[in-house]
Amino acid sequence: MITSRSEVPGELLEMYANDFFTNNYLVIVFVGEGSSSAYNHIKSLSVDGEIVATGNFAWETRDMVSFYQIIELNNAFLPAEFSVILNNTHGRH
């Protein structure tokens, strides 16, 4: 998970006007997958901050690609911390 604004490519943040951040914030999850069957999505987000993502999370391949998953949340929803669970649905674990 991204922990600092400096770790996020500028073009991702340019999609959001400063007004957005008045009442909202972003949680950005950065994941890598094998590009031959790359797909992933956020399956759920629980009230205690557990983020579950599914996809083909190959840990070491020659054809790795990386994706940013952006979750937009309202300031009213602010768990003490976030955790990410990656459910590998294809390929090797």
PDB file of N, CA and C in Angstrom:
ATOM      1  N   MET A   1       0.847  -1.156   0.000  1.00  0.00           N
ATOM      2  CA  MET A   1       0.000   0.000   0.000  1.00  0.00           C
ATOM      3  C   MET A   1       0.903   1.233   0.000  1.00  0.00           C
ATOM      4  N   ILE A   2       0.456   2.256  -0.694  1.00  0.00           N
ATOM      5  CA  ILE A   2       1.205   3.506  -0.754  1.00  0.00           C
ATOM      6  C   ILE A   2       1.071   4.214   0.594  1.00  0.00           C
ATOM      7  N   THR A   3       2.185   4.651   1.144  1.00  0.00           N
ATOM      8  CA  THR A   3       2.128   5.289   2.464  1.00  0.00           C
ATOM      9  C   THR A   3       2.499   6.765   2.434  1.00  0.00           C
ATOM     10  N   SER A   4       2.915   7.265   1.289  1.00  0.00           N
ATOM     11  CA  SER A   4       3.331   8.656   1.201  1.00  0.00           C
ATOM     12  C   SER A   4       2.890   9.244  -0.125  1.00  0.00           C
ATOM     13  N   ARG A   5       2.494  10.495  -0.108  1.00  0.00           N
ATOM     14  CA  ARG A   5       2.082  11.176  -1.336  1.00  0.00           C
ATOM     15  C   ARG A   5       3.220  11.183  -2.358  1.00  0.00           C
ATOM     16  N   SER A   6       4.464  11.239  -1.905  1.00  0.00           N
ATOM     17  CA  SER A   6       5.605  11.275  -2.824  1.00  0.00           C
ATOM     18  C   SER A   6       5.791   9.965  -3.587  1.00  0.00           C
ATOM     19  N   GLU A   7       5.165   8.878  -3.125  1.00  0.00           N
ATOM     20  CA  GLU A   7       5.264   7.596  -3.804  1.00  0.00           C
ATOM     21  C   GLU A   7       4.248   7.445  -4.940  1.00  0.00           C
ATOM     22  N   VAL A   8       3.347   8.402  -5.089  1.00  0.00           N
ATOM     23  CA  VAL A   8       2.273   8.320  -6.077  1.00  0.00           C
ATOM     24  C   VAL A   8       2.647   9.147  -7.299  1.00  0.00           C
ATOM     25  N   PRO A   9       2.590   8.543  -8.498  1.00  0.00           N
ATOM     26  CA  PRO A   9       2.864   9.335  -9.706  1.00  0.00           C
ATOM     27  C   PRO A   9       1.921  10.534  -9.799  1.00  0.00           C
ATOM     28  N   GLY A  10       2.456  11.684 -10.166  1.00  0.00           N
ATOM     29  CA  GLY A  10       1.689  12.915 -10.218  1.00  0.00           C
ATOM     30  C   GLY A  10       0.434  12.829 -11.064  1.00  0.00           C
ATOM     31  N   GLU A  11       0.481  12.095 -12.181  1.00  0.00           N
ATOM     32  CA  GLU A  11      -0.691  12.042 -13.055  1.00  0.00           C
ATOM     33  C   GLU A  11      -1.885  11.378 -12.376  1.00  0.00           C
ATOM     34  N   LEU A  12      -1.648  10.499 -11.401  1.00  0.00           N
ATOM     35  CA  LEU A  12      -2.776   9.911 -10.673  1.00  0.00           C
ATOM     36  C   LEU A  12      -3.471  10.954  -9.809  1.00  0.00           C
ATOM     37  N   LEU A  13      -2.693  11.784  -9.158  1.00  0.00           N
ATOM     38  CA  LEU A  13      -3.288  12.804  -8.290  1.00  0.00           C
ATOM     39  C   LEU A  13      -3.886  13.952  -9.082  1.00  0.00           C
ATOM     40  N   GLU A  14      -3.414  14.191 -10.298  1.00  0.00           N
ATOM     41  CA  GLU A  14      -3.953  15.268 -11.130  1.00  0.00           C
ATOM     42  C   GLU A  14      -5.405  15.017 -11.507  1.00  0.00           C
ATOM     43  N   MET A  15      -5.862  13.772 -11.400  1.00  0.00           N
ATOM     44  CA  MET A  15      -7.248  13.452 -11.722  1.00  0.00           C
ATOM     45  C   MET A  15      -8.201  14.016 -10.672  1.00  0.00           C
ATOM     46  N   TYR A  16      -7.663  14.451  -9.540  1.00  0.00           N
ATOM     47  CA  TYR A  16      -8.487  14.922  -8.433  1.00  0.00           C
ATOM     48  C   TYR A  16      -8.211  16.389  -8.161  1.00  0.00           C
ATOM     49  N   ALA A  17      -9.276  17.191  -8.118  1.00  0.00           N
ATOM     50  CA  ALA A  17      -9.150  18.608  -7.773  1.00  0.00           C
ATOM     51  C   ALA A  17      -8.932  18.717  -6.264  1.00  0.00           C
ATOM     52  N   ASN A  18      -8.335  19.798  -5.848  1.00  0.00           N
ATOM     53  CA  ASN A  18      -8.099  20.001  -4.415  1.00  0.00           C
ATOM     54  C   ASN A  18      -9.390  19.940  -3.608  1.00  0.00           C
ATOM     55  N   ASP A  19     -10.504  20.360  -4.211  1.00  0.00           N
ATOM     56  CA  ASP A  19     -11.795  20.312  -3.521  1.00  0.00           C
ATOM     57  C   ASP A  19     -12.163  18.895  -3.085  1.00  0.00           C
ATOM     58  N   PHE A  20     -11.758  17.905  -3.864  1.00  0.00           N
ATOM     59  CA  PHE A  20     -12.065  16.513  -3.531  1.00  0.00           C
ATOM     60  C   PHE A  20     -11.544  16.169  -2.139  1.00  0.00           C
ATOM     61  N   PHE A  21     -10.350  16.660  -1.812  1.00  0.00           N
ATOM     62  CA  PHE A  21      -9.695  16.283  -0.568  1.00  0.00           C
ATOM     63  C   PHE A  21     -10.239  17.022   0.653  1.00  0.00           C
ATOM     64  N   THR A  22     -11.184  17.917   0.458  1.00  0.00           N
ATOM     65  CA  THR A  22     -11.819  18.593   1.586  1.00  0.00           C
ATOM     66  C   THR A  22     -12.620  17.600   2.419  1.00  0.00           C
ATOM     67  N   ASN A  23     -13.357  16.726   1.755  1.00  0.00           N
ATOM     68  CA  ASN A  23     -14.222  15.772   2.453  1.00  0.00           C
ATOM     69  C   ASN A  23     -13.885  14.317   2.169  1.00  0.00           C
ATOM     70  N   ASN A  24     -12.829  14.089   1.411  1.00  0.00           N
ATOM     71  CA  ASN A  24     -12.502  12.732   0.978  1.00  0.00           C
ATOM     72  C   ASN A  24     -11.002  12.498   1.027  1.00  0.00           C
ATOM     73  N   TYR A  25     -10.636  11.241   0.873  1.00  0.00           N
ATOM     74  CA  TYR A  25      -9.231  10.877   0.762  1.00  0.00           C
ATOM     75  C   TYR A  25      -9.111   9.649  -0.126  1.00  0.00           C
ATOM     76  N   LEU A  26      -7.902   9.313  -0.485  1.00  0.00           N
ATOM     77  CA  LEU A  26      -7.644   8.171  -1.349  1.00  0.00           C
ATOM     78  C   LEU A  26      -6.842   7.120  -0.597  1.00  0.00           C
ATOM     79  N   VAL A  27      -7.165   5.870  -0.868  1.00  0.00           N
ATOM     80  CA  VAL A  27      -6.321   4.751  -0.471  1.00  0.00           C
ATOM     81  C   VAL A  27      -5.842   4.155  -1.780  1.00  0.00           C
ATOM     82  N   ILE A  28      -4.531   4.063  -1.945  1.00  0.00           N
ATOM     83  CA  ILE A  28      -3.965   3.585  -3.199  1.00  0.00           C
ATOM     84  C   ILE A  28      -3.194   2.305  -2.927  1.00  0.00           C
ATOM     85  N   VAL A  29      -3.586   1.243  -3.626  1.00  0.00           N
ATOM     86  CA  VAL A  29      -2.938  -0.056  -3.491  1.00  0.00           C
ATOM     87  C   VAL A  29      -2.152  -0.302  -4.770  1.00  0.00           C
ATOM     88  N   PHE A  30      -0.881  -0.622  -4.641  1.00  0.00           N
ATOM     89  CA  PHE A  30      -0.002  -0.869  -5.783  1.00  0.00           C
ATOM     90  C   PHE A  30       0.295  -2.363  -5.820  1.00  0.00           C
ATOM     91  N   VAL A  31      -0.085  -3.026  -6.917  1.00  0.00           N
ATOM     92  CA  VAL A  31       0.114  -4.477  -7.032  1.00  0.00           C
ATOM     93  C   VAL A  31       0.806  -4.816  -8.346  1.00  0.00           C
ATOM     94  N   GLY A  32       1.512  -5.939  -8.354  1.00  0.00           N
ATOM     95  CA  GLY A  32       2.144  -6.442  -9.564  1.00  0.00           C
ATOM     96  C   GLY A  32       1.539  -7.768  -9.966  1.00  0.00           C
ATOM     97  N   GLU A  33       1.452  -7.987 -11.282  1.00  0.00           N
ATOM     98  CA  GLU A  33       0.893  -9.230 -11.817  1.00  0.00           C
ATOM     99  C   GLU A  33       1.661  -9.622 -13.064  1.00  0.00           C
ATOM    100  N   GLY A  34       1.531 -10.894 -13.441  1.00  0.00           N
ATOM    101  CA  GLY A  34       2.050 -11.330 -14.725  1.00  0.00           C
ATOM    102  C   GLY A  34       1.218 -10.716 -15.833  1.00  0.00           C
ATOM    103  N   SER A  35       1.851 -10.087 -16.821  1.00  0.00           N
ATOM    104  CA  SER A  35       1.102  -9.329 -17.830  1.00  0.00           C
ATOM    105  C   SER A  35       0.304 -10.209 -18.783  1.00  0.00           C
ATOM    106  N   SER A  36       0.646 -11.484 -18.895  1.00  0.00           N
ATOM    107  CA  SER A  36      -0.072 -12.342 -19.843  1.00  0.00           C
ATOM    108  C   SER A  36      -1.523 -12.567 -19.427  1.00  0.00           C
ATOM    109  N   SER A  37      -1.818 -12.396 -18.166  1.00  0.00           N
ATOM    110  CA  SER A  37      -3.208 -12.565 -17.710  1.00  0.00           C
ATOM    111  C   SER A  37      -3.523 -11.552 -16.620  1.00  0.00           C
ATOM    112  N   ALA A  38      -3.114 -10.327 -16.855  1.00  0.00           N
ATOM    113  CA  ALA A  38      -3.249  -9.298 -15.825  1.00  0.00           C
ATOM    114  C   ALA A  38      -4.702  -8.843 -15.683  1.00  0.00           C
ATOM    115  N   TYR A  39      -5.227  -9.013 -14.533  1.00  0.00           N
ATOM    116  CA  TYR A  39      -6.505  -8.447 -14.146  1.00  0.00           C
ATOM    117  C   TYR A  39      -6.535  -8.486 -12.630  1.00  0.00           C
ATOM    118  N   ASN A  40      -7.079  -7.498 -12.045  1.00  0.00           N
ATOM    119  CA  ASN A  40      -7.264  -7.517 -10.603  1.00  0.00           C
ATOM    120  C   ASN A  40      -8.330  -6.499 -10.245  1.00  0.00           C
ATOM    121  N   HIS A  41      -8.911  -6.687  -9.114  1.00  0.00           N
ATOM    122  CA  HIS A  41      -9.892  -5.721  -8.654  1.00  0.00           C
ATOM    123  C   HIS A  41     -10.036  -5.799  -7.142  1.00  0.00           C
ATOM    124  N   ILE A  42     -10.537  -4.730  -6.578  1.00  0.00           N
ATOM    125  CA  ILE A  42     -10.834  -4.697  -5.161  1.00  0.00           C
ATOM    126  C   ILE A  42     -12.164  -5.406  -4.970  1.00  0.00           C
ATOM    127  N   LYS A  43     -12.148  -6.450  -4.191  1.00  0.00           N
ATOM    128  CA  LYS A  43     -13.360  -7.238  -3.975  1.00  0.00           C
ATOM    129  C   LYS A  43     -14.188  -6.666  -2.825  1.00  0.00           C
ATOM    130  N   SER A  44     -13.505  -6.217  -1.768  1.00  0.00           N
ATOM    131  CA  SER A  44     -14.257  -5.686  -0.633  1.00  0.00           C
ATOM    132  C   SER A  44     -13.371  -4.772   0.212  1.00  0.00           C
ATOM    133  N   LEU A  45     -14.046  -3.962   1.010  1.00  0.00           N
ATOM    134  CA  LEU A  45     -13.401  -3.094   1.987  1.00  0.00           C
ATOM    135  C   LEU A  45     -14.268  -3.135   3.228  1.00  0.00           C
ATOM    136  N   SER A  46     -13.728  -3.649   4.322  1.00  0.00           N
ATOM    137  CA  SER A  46     -14.528  -3.798   5.537  1.00  0.00           C
ATOM    138  C   SER A  46     -14.429  -2.552   6.409  1.00  0.00           C
ATOM    139  N   VAL A  47     -15.308  -2.459   7.380  1.00  0.00           N
ATOM    140  CA  VAL A  47     -15.340  -1.302   8.265  1.00  0.00           C
ATOM    141  C   VAL A  47     -14.086  -1.189   9.114  1.00  0.00           C
ATOM    142  N   ASP A  48     -13.360  -2.293   9.295  1.00  0.00           N
ATOM    143  CA  ASP A  48     -12.125  -2.229  10.073  1.00  0.00           C
ATOM    144  C   ASP A  48     -10.898  -1.963   9.203  1.00  0.00           C
ATOM    145  N   GLY A  49     -11.115  -1.647   7.904  1.00  0.00           N
ATOM    146  CA  GLY A  49     -10.021  -1.252   7.024  1.00  0.00           C
ATOM    147  C   GLY A  49      -9.361  -2.378   6.264  1.00  0.00           C
ATOM    148  N   GLU A  50      -9.946  -3.568   6.278  1.00  0.00           N
ATOM    149  CA  GLU A  50      -9.370  -4.692   5.536  1.00  0.00           C
ATOM    150  C   GLU A  50      -9.784  -4.601   4.069  1.00  0.00           C
ATOM    151  N   ILE A  51      -8.811  -4.497   3.191  1.00  0.00           N
ATOM    152  CA  ILE A  51      -9.039  -4.424   1.745  1.00  0.00           C
ATOM    153  C   ILE A  51      -8.714  -5.782   1.152  1.00  0.00           C
ATOM    154  N   VAL A  52      -9.666  -6.372   0.449  1.00  0.00           N
ATOM    155  CA  VAL A  52      -9.443  -7.659  -0.196  1.00  0.00           C
ATOM    156  C   VAL A  52      -9.410  -7.439  -1.696  1.00  0.00           C
ATOM    157  N   ALA A  53      -8.300  -7.835  -2.326  1.00  0.00           N
ATOM    158  CA  ALA A  53      -8.143  -7.729  -3.772  1.00  0.00           C
ATOM    159  C   ALA A  53      -7.975  -9.122  -4.350  1.00  0.00           C
ATOM    160  N   THR A  54      -8.531  -9.344  -5.531  1.00  0.00           N
ATOM    161  CA  THR A  54      -8.362 -10.614  -6.216  1.00  0.00           C
ATOM    162  C   THR A  54      -7.657 -10.376  -7.535  1.00  0.00           C
ATOM    163  N   GLY A  55      -6.914 -11.377  -7.978  1.00  0.00           N
ATOM    164  CA  GLY A  55      -6.208 -11.269  -9.249  1.00  0.00           C
ATOM    165  C   GLY A  55      -5.172 -12.351  -9.399  1.00  0.00           C
ATOM    166  N   ASN A  56      -4.373 -12.236 -10.438  1.00  0.00           N
ATOM    167  CA  ASN A  56      -3.296 -13.182 -10.722  1.00  0.00           C
ATOM    168  C   ASN A  56      -1.989 -12.574 -10.223  1.00  0.00           C
ATOM    169  N   PHE A  57      -1.761 -12.661  -8.930  1.00  0.00           N
ATOM    170  CA  PHE A  57      -0.609 -12.018  -8.321  1.00  0.00           C
ATOM    171  C   PHE A  57       0.601 -12.942  -8.377  1.00  0.00           C
ATOM    172  N   ALA A  58       1.244 -12.970  -9.522  1.00  0.00           N
ATOM    173  CA  ALA A  58       2.464 -13.769  -9.690  1.00  0.00           C
ATOM    174  C   ALA A  58       3.614 -12.983  -9.079  1.00  0.00           C
ATOM    175  N   TRP A  59       4.325 -13.599  -8.185  1.00  0.00           N
ATOM    176  CA  TRP A  59       5.356 -12.863  -7.459  1.00  0.00           C
ATOM    177  C   TRP A  59       6.636 -12.670  -8.253  1.00  0.00           C
ATOM    178  N   GLU A  60       6.996 -13.598  -9.117  1.00  0.00           N
ATOM    179  CA  GLU A  60       8.212 -13.425  -9.913  1.00  0.00           C
ATOM    180  C   GLU A  60       8.012 -14.025 -11.294  1.00  0.00           C
ATOM    181  N   THR A  61       7.803 -13.169 -12.268  1.00  0.00           N
ATOM    182  CA  THR A  61       7.745 -13.604 -13.653  1.00  0.00           C
ATOM    183  C   THR A  61       8.550 -12.617 -14.487  1.00  0.00           C
ATOM    184  N   ARG A  62       8.827 -12.991 -15.702  1.00  0.00           N
ATOM    185  CA  ARG A  62       9.575 -12.090 -16.589  1.00  0.00           C
ATOM    186  C   ARG A  62       8.698 -11.014 -17.191  1.00  0.00           C
ATOM    187  N   ASP A  63       7.411 -11.191 -17.105  1.00  0.00           N
ATOM    188  CA  ASP A  63       6.484 -10.251 -17.753  1.00  0.00           C
ATOM    189  C   ASP A  63       5.611  -9.524 -16.739  1.00  0.00           C
ATOM    190  N   MET A  64       6.219  -9.028 -15.688  1.00  0.00           N
ATOM    191  CA  MET A  64       5.461  -8.347 -14.640  1.00  0.00           C
ATOM    192  C   MET A  64       4.961  -6.975 -15.102  1.00  0.00           C
ATOM    193  N   VAL A  65       3.755  -6.649 -14.700  1.00  0.00           N
ATOM    194  CA  VAL A  65       3.199  -5.310 -14.877  1.00  0.00           C
ATOM    195  C   VAL A  65       2.662  -4.870 -13.519  1.00  0.00           C
ATOM    196  N   SER A  66       2.544  -3.584 -13.334  1.00  0.00           N
ATOM    197  CA  SER A  66       2.076  -3.061 -12.058  1.00  0.00           C
ATOM    198  C   SER A  66       0.852  -2.188 -12.264  1.00  0.00           C
ATOM    199  N   PHE A  67      -0.031  -2.200 -11.278  1.00  0.00           N
ATOM    200  CA  PHE A  67      -1.269  -1.443 -11.339  1.00  0.00           C
ATOM    201  C   PHE A  67      -1.474  -0.681 -10.041  1.00  0.00           C
ATOM    202  N   TYR A  68      -2.080   0.479 -10.153  1.00  0.00           N
ATOM    203  CA  TYR A  68      -2.542   1.231  -8.997  1.00  0.00           C
ATOM    204  C   TYR A  68      -4.040   1.018  -8.888  1.00  0.00           C
ATOM    205  N   GLN A  69      -4.499   0.594  -7.732  1.00  0.00           N
ATOM    206  CA  GLN A  69      -5.923   0.516  -7.437  1.00  0.00           C
ATOM    207  C   GLN A  69      -6.233   1.716  -6.551  1.00  0.00           C
ATOM    208  N   ILE A  70      -7.135   2.563  -6.993  1.00  0.00           N
ATOM    209  CA  ILE A  70      -7.466   3.776  -6.246  1.00  0.00           C
ATOM    210  C   ILE A  70      -8.853   3.619  -5.633  1.00  0.00           C
ATOM    211  N   ILE A  71      -8.915   3.787  -4.323  1.00  0.00           N
ATOM    212  CA  ILE A  71     -10.178   3.699  -3.602  1.00  0.00           C
ATOM    213  C   ILE A  71     -10.489   5.090  -3.055  1.00  0.00           C
ATOM    214  N   GLU A  72     -11.631   5.640  -3.437  1.00  0.00           N
ATOM    215  CA  GLU A  72     -12.058   6.954  -2.959  1.00  0.00           C
ATOM    216  C   GLU A  72     -12.937   6.771  -1.735  1.00  0.00           C
ATOM    217  N   LEU A  73     -12.573   7.432  -0.636  1.00  0.00           N
ATOM    218  CA  LEU A  73     -13.328   7.290   0.603  1.00  0.00           C
ATOM    219  C   LEU A  73     -13.653   8.651   1.196  1.00  0.00           C
ATOM    220  N   ASN A  74     -14.787   8.706   1.883  1.00  0.00           N
ATOM    221  CA  ASN A  74     -15.209   9.913   2.574  1.00  0.00           C
ATOM    222  C   ASN A  74     -14.515   9.979   3.929  1.00  0.00           C
ATOM    223  N   ASN A  75     -14.224  11.187   4.388  1.00  0.00           N
ATOM    224  CA  ASN A  75     -13.543  11.359   5.672  1.00  0.00           C
ATOM    225  C   ASN A  75     -14.322  10.755   6.846  1.00  0.00           C
ATOM    226  N   ALA A  76     -15.618  10.543   6.687  1.00  0.00           N
ATOM    227  CA  ALA A  76     -16.410   9.938   7.756  1.00  0.00           C
ATOM    228  C   ALA A  76     -16.016   8.486   8.002  1.00  0.00           C
ATOM    229  N   PHE A  77     -15.414   7.844   6.996  1.00  0.00           N
ATOM    230  CA  PHE A  77     -14.945   6.459   7.122  1.00  0.00           C
ATOM    231  C   PHE A  77     -13.439   6.493   7.296  1.00  0.00           C
ATOM    232  N   LEU A  78     -12.987   6.311   8.527  1.00  0.00           N
ATOM    233  CA  LEU A  78     -11.556   6.398   8.784  1.00  0.00           C
ATOM    234  C   LEU A  78     -11.148   5.361   9.819  1.00  0.00           C
ATOM    235  N   PRO A  79     -10.868   4.128   9.365  1.00  0.00           N
ATOM    236  CA  PRO A  79     -10.422   3.109  10.314  1.00  0.00           C
ATOM    237  C   PRO A  79      -9.043   3.469  10.884  1.00  0.00           C
ATOM    238  N   ALA A  80      -8.683   2.835  11.974  1.00  0.00           N
ATOM    239  CA  ALA A  80      -7.385   3.101  12.609  1.00  0.00           C
ATOM    240  C   ALA A  80      -6.229   2.758  11.680  1.00  0.00           C
ATOM    241  N   GLU A  81      -6.403   1.735  10.845  1.00  0.00           N
ATOM    242  CA  GLU A  81      -5.383   1.341   9.881  1.00  0.00           C
ATOM    243  C   GLU A  81      -6.029   0.558   8.752  1.00  0.00           C
ATOM    244  N   PHE A  82      -5.288   0.390   7.673  1.00  0.00           N
ATOM    245  CA  PHE A  82      -5.740  -0.430   6.553  1.00  0.00           C
ATOM    246  C   PHE A  82      -4.821  -1.630   6.431  1.00  0.00           C
ATOM    247  N   SER A  83      -5.370  -2.737   5.983  1.00  0.00           N
ATOM    248  CA  SER A  83      -4.572  -3.915   5.654  1.00  0.00           C
ATOM    249  C   SER A  83      -5.051  -4.420   4.300  1.00  0.00           C
ATOM    250  N   VAL A  84      -4.158  -5.057   3.570  1.00  0.00           N
ATOM    251  CA  VAL A  84      -4.482  -5.546   2.230  1.00  0.00           C
ATOM    252  C   VAL A  84      -4.288  -7.052   2.194  1.00  0.00           C
ATOM    253  N   ILE A  85      -5.300  -7.755   1.703  1.00  0.00           N
ATOM    254  CA  ILE A  85      -5.225  -9.199   1.495  1.00  0.00           C
ATOM    255  C   ILE A  85      -5.316  -9.436  -0.007  1.00  0.00           C
ATOM    256  N   LEU A  86      -4.311 -10.109  -0.568  1.00  0.00           N
ATOM    257  CA  LEU A  86      -4.289 -10.415  -1.993  1.00  0.00           C
ATOM    258  C   LEU A  86      -4.689 -11.870  -2.180  1.00  0.00           C
ATOM    259  N   ASN A  87      -5.817 -12.108  -2.828  1.00  0.00           N
ATOM    260  CA  ASN A  87      -6.274 -13.463  -3.127  1.00  0.00           C
ATOM    261  C   ASN A  87      -5.863 -13.815  -4.548  1.00  0.00           C
ATOM    262  N   ASN A  88      -4.936 -14.753  -4.669  1.00  0.00           N
ATOM    263  CA  ASN A  88      -4.455 -15.182  -5.971  1.00  0.00           C
ATOM    264  C   ASN A  88      -5.473 -16.141  -6.579  1.00  0.00           C
ATOM    265  N   THR A  89      -6.093 -15.761  -7.676  1.00  0.00           N
ATOM    266  CA  THR A  89      -7.150 -16.559  -8.278  1.00  0.00           C
ATOM    267  C   THR A  89      -6.675 -17.408  -9.457  1.00  0.00           C
ATOM    268  N   HIS A  90      -5.449 -17.185  -9.923  1.00  0.00           N
ATOM    269  CA  HIS A  90      -4.900 -17.959 -11.036  1.00  0.00           C
ATOM    270  C   HIS A  90      -3.410 -18.168 -10.807  1.00  0.00           C
ATOM    271  N   GLY A  91      -2.887 -19.172 -11.461  1.00  0.00           N
ATOM    272  CA  GLY A  91      -1.436 -19.357 -11.474  1.00  0.00           C
ATOM    273  C   GLY A  91      -0.870 -19.809 -10.157  1.00  0.00           C
ATOM    274  N   ARG A  92       0.428 -19.604 -10.024  1.00  0.00           N
ATOM    275  CA  ARG A  92       1.153 -20.033  -8.833  1.00  0.00           C
ATOM    276  C   ARG A  92       0.848 -19.130  -7.651  1.00  0.00           C
ATOM    277  N   HIS A  93       0.997 -19.655  -6.470  1.00  0.00           N
ATOM    278  CA  HIS A  93       0.807 -18.866  -5.243  1.00  0.00           C
ATOM    279  C   HIS A  93       2.150 -18.393  -4.748  1.00  0.00           C
TER     280      HIS A  93
END
